[in-house]
């Protein structure tokens, strides 16, 4: 009797495994990806974070009030 041993962590040949790539900030599905450990950031969250950082940089560079120049 011959038993075939299959590892569970390796996909079977011919089978396609897709994992969902979710936004790490809001949790919305971005796309499907072949590897399990994929993470991403949706464009909406990316631009919101970028705007917050740019707003903070402008505030510290110029000061809060015009008279502080």
Protein backbone atom coordinates (compact mmCIF):
# COMPACT_ATOMS: atom_id res chain seq x y z
CA UNK A 1 0.00 0.00 0.00
CA UNK A 2 1.42 3.38 -1.04
CA UNK A 3 0.26 6.53 0.71
CA UNK A 4 0.72 9.92 -0.88
CA UNK A 5 1.73 12.62 1.57
CA UNK A 6 0.70 16.14 0.65
CA UNK A 7 1.86 19.22 2.50
CA UNK A 8 -0.99 21.56 3.32
CA UNK A 9 1.09 24.75 3.01
CA UNK A 10 1.86 24.16 -0.67
CA UNK A 11 -0.85 24.59 -3.30
CA UNK A 12 -1.64 21.63 -5.50
CA UNK A 13 -0.41 21.82 -9.09
CA UNK A 14 -3.07 23.31 -11.32
CA UNK A 15 -4.99 24.96 -8.49
CA UNK A 16 -5.04 28.74 -8.35
CA UNK A 17 -5.11 30.33 -4.92
CA UNK A 18 -6.17 33.96 -4.67
CA UNK A 19 -5.97 36.01 -1.51
CA UNK A 20 -7.72 39.30 -0.95
CA UNK A 21 -5.50 42.34 -0.52
CA UNK A 22 -7.23 44.60 2.00
CA UNK A 23 -6.46 48.18 2.89
CA UNK A 24 -4.60 48.20 6.20
CA UNK A 25 -6.32 51.44 7.20
CA UNK A 26 -10.01 51.05 6.31
CA UNK A 27 -10.32 47.35 5.35
CA UNK A 28 -11.74 47.75 1.84
CA UNK A 29 -10.79 45.08 -0.73
CA UNK A 30 -8.17 46.42 -3.16
CA UNK A 31 -7.47 43.40 -5.40
CA UNK A 32 -6.76 39.66 -5.42
CA UNK A 33 -3.15 38.52 -5.13
CA UNK A 34 -1.36 35.19 -5.31
CA UNK A 35 0.64 35.50 -2.08
CA UNK A 36 -0.98 35.41 1.33
CA UNK A 37 1.07 38.10 3.08
CA UNK A 38 0.14 40.97 0.78
CA UNK A 39 -0.93 44.24 2.32
CA UNK A 40 -1.79 47.55 0.77
CA UNK A 41 -3.28 50.97 1.16
CA UNK A 42 -6.23 52.15 -0.93
CA UNK A 43 -5.87 55.41 -2.84
CA UNK A 44 -8.46 57.18 -0.71
CA UNK A 45 -6.54 56.47 2.51
CA UNK A 46 -3.18 57.16 0.84
CA UNK A 47 -4.19 60.65 -0.28
CA UNK A 48 -5.85 61.41 3.08
CA UNK A 49 -2.65 60.49 4.96
CA UNK A 50 -0.54 62.41 2.44
CA UNK A 51 -2.71 65.53 2.84
CA UNK A 52 -2.45 65.31 6.66
CA UNK A 53 1.35 65.10 6.49
CA UNK A 54 1.64 67.98 4.02
CA UNK A 55 -0.70 70.10 6.13
CA UNK A 56 1.44 69.41 9.20
CA UNK A 57 4.65 70.29 7.33
CA UNK A 58 3.25 73.60 6.08
CA UNK A 59 2.06 74.54 9.55
CA UNK A 60 5.44 73.95 11.19
CA UNK A 61 7.39 75.62 8.37
CA UNK A 62 5.41 78.88 8.33
CA UNK A 63 4.05 78.99 11.88
CA UNK A 64 0.44 79.18 12.96
CA UNK A 65 0.04 82.92 12.59
CA UNK A 66 1.24 85.35 9.95
CA UNK A 67 2.87 87.56 12.59
CA UNK A 68 5.32 84.76 13.52
CA UNK A 69 7.32 85.20 10.31
